[in-house]
Amino acid sequence: MRRSILVAGLCLCLSPALLGQRTAIKSPKLLPWSQQIALREQWLEKRHAMILPMMRRHGIDMWIVVNEEFHNDPLTEYIALPRPYVGNRDIFVFIDTGSEGLRKVAIVGYAEDNLRKFFEAPDDPRPADKVLPELYEKYKPNKIGLSFGAARGAERSLTYDTYNFLSEKMGAGAQQHFVAAAPLIEEYLDKRIPEEFATYRTMVELTSVLTRRALSSEVIKPGKTTVGDVRRWLYDQLWANSVTTWFEPDLRVQRKGRPNDTSRGFLAVAPESIVIERGDLVHLDFGITYMGLNTDWQKMAYVLREGEKQPALGLQRALKNTNELQDALTMRAARPGRLPGEVYNLTMDEMKKKGIEAQIYSHPIGNQGHGLGPGIDFRSSRRPDIGASQAQPLRPGCYTSIELNTQSAVPEWDGQKVYMMAEDDAYLTDEGYKFFEPRQTELYLIK
């Protein structure tokens, strides 16, 4: 199979074999920070238009998000401008005023022009203990949504002191109207807007380019390069490309004749001291953070032995089993409106019929790496704390990391089982999930 990658206006056609050699694969160009902020402000305008219908769907009359200096709320950069907030305690209030629509008030330590594009924010800000009781008294909200009492960090971020502050300052009786805003927050962060699509595709392309380079002879010298060396190379590439990450890159190494270490039912992460040798099967889990979005990516590579030109047929067949699992989930089981458990069961029933040993642990992705929203995960039935998300149907257009693996016995490895893990970012359409980049169908080769 040949892949075409557009780089700076040129089309580079790469075969899987070339991926093991030093190639001139360039990273896509990203925006400078000023342009990133300008674009995200355009996104924010679109996102604010979604808030009132969502509040009404979830029965929330007033939604309050509080950002603490040195303890930023994970919601702030998605409901307000993506800028530093250092006003000790900055408060953003969304109010369903009825016939007058959505009112948005920012109670901040200082005001500036761009903030006033989105919120009421006077030049001489008034303190929260004056503004909040006025808003409460004027609108008398029956339900005031706050970030507490939820299963996930982005939904339970309100501090104890801030909760007490709101209870005291909003006025008598306000506290009894406080409710968990988790369902509203989940829908808001799970919902993707069309304007984000091109940026996210570029992010996935960059993730793919860095992964291919990491799993190639450019970085890995068999018998010399350690797992830690590859990790450190990836950290340097994050710096060189002006992006960050939301988790440290992980490598896993499988070797003929060596039992696999496991952790929590998965293949264990390899120690940094492990030297990558010829004949090893190497796995990389890697993702980037950019423009308030995140990617998550897993790929497999094989280190050719002396004289080898391709991996053993058993290893190739093992990867095909993982492709079968991907096809069953993305093309045949997943549809908008279906519950995650239904998608999981349909996929696993097909794997059972085909005799493929499989695990599925896919999750929403977007504003968070492990995003809010329904995930297709074998652990869901065992985790009552995330059960609520599983009762939500899959939303069209939402992004998901299709994360899964199969285990297959490899004849050339004396029947030893190998994990073939894959993770690809995808978006949900009426015909199932579509990958942002074509999924891996051949092992990357390291010469």
Foldseek 3Di string as FASTA:
>chain_A
DWDWDQDPNDTDIDDLQCLQDDDPDDAHADDPPVVLQVLVLVVLVVLVVVQQVLCVVVVAFKEKDKQAAVQGQLCDVNNFRNDDAHQRIKMWMWGQQDPVGIAIAIQGNADDDSRVVRHDADRHGDHPLPPQLVVCVVRVRQAYEDQCDALDCNRHRDDPVVLVVSCPRNDPPPNVRYDRCVVSVLVSQQDDDPSCVVVVLSQQRNVVSLVSCLQHQVQADAPPAFQLSSQVVVCVVCVVNVWAADDGKFKAKDAQPDDFDDDPRHGDTDDRGHGHHAQIKMKIWDKIDDSLFMDIWMAIAHEHDVPDDADDVLVLVQLVLVVLLVCLQFQPQDAFPDFLVSSLVSSVVVCVVVVWAKFWAKAFTTSHRRGRAGGNHPCQVVDPSNVVRRVDTHHAFGKMWGWMWTWFQGVVSVRDIDIGITTFIWGQDRRGTDGSDDGDSGHRYHD
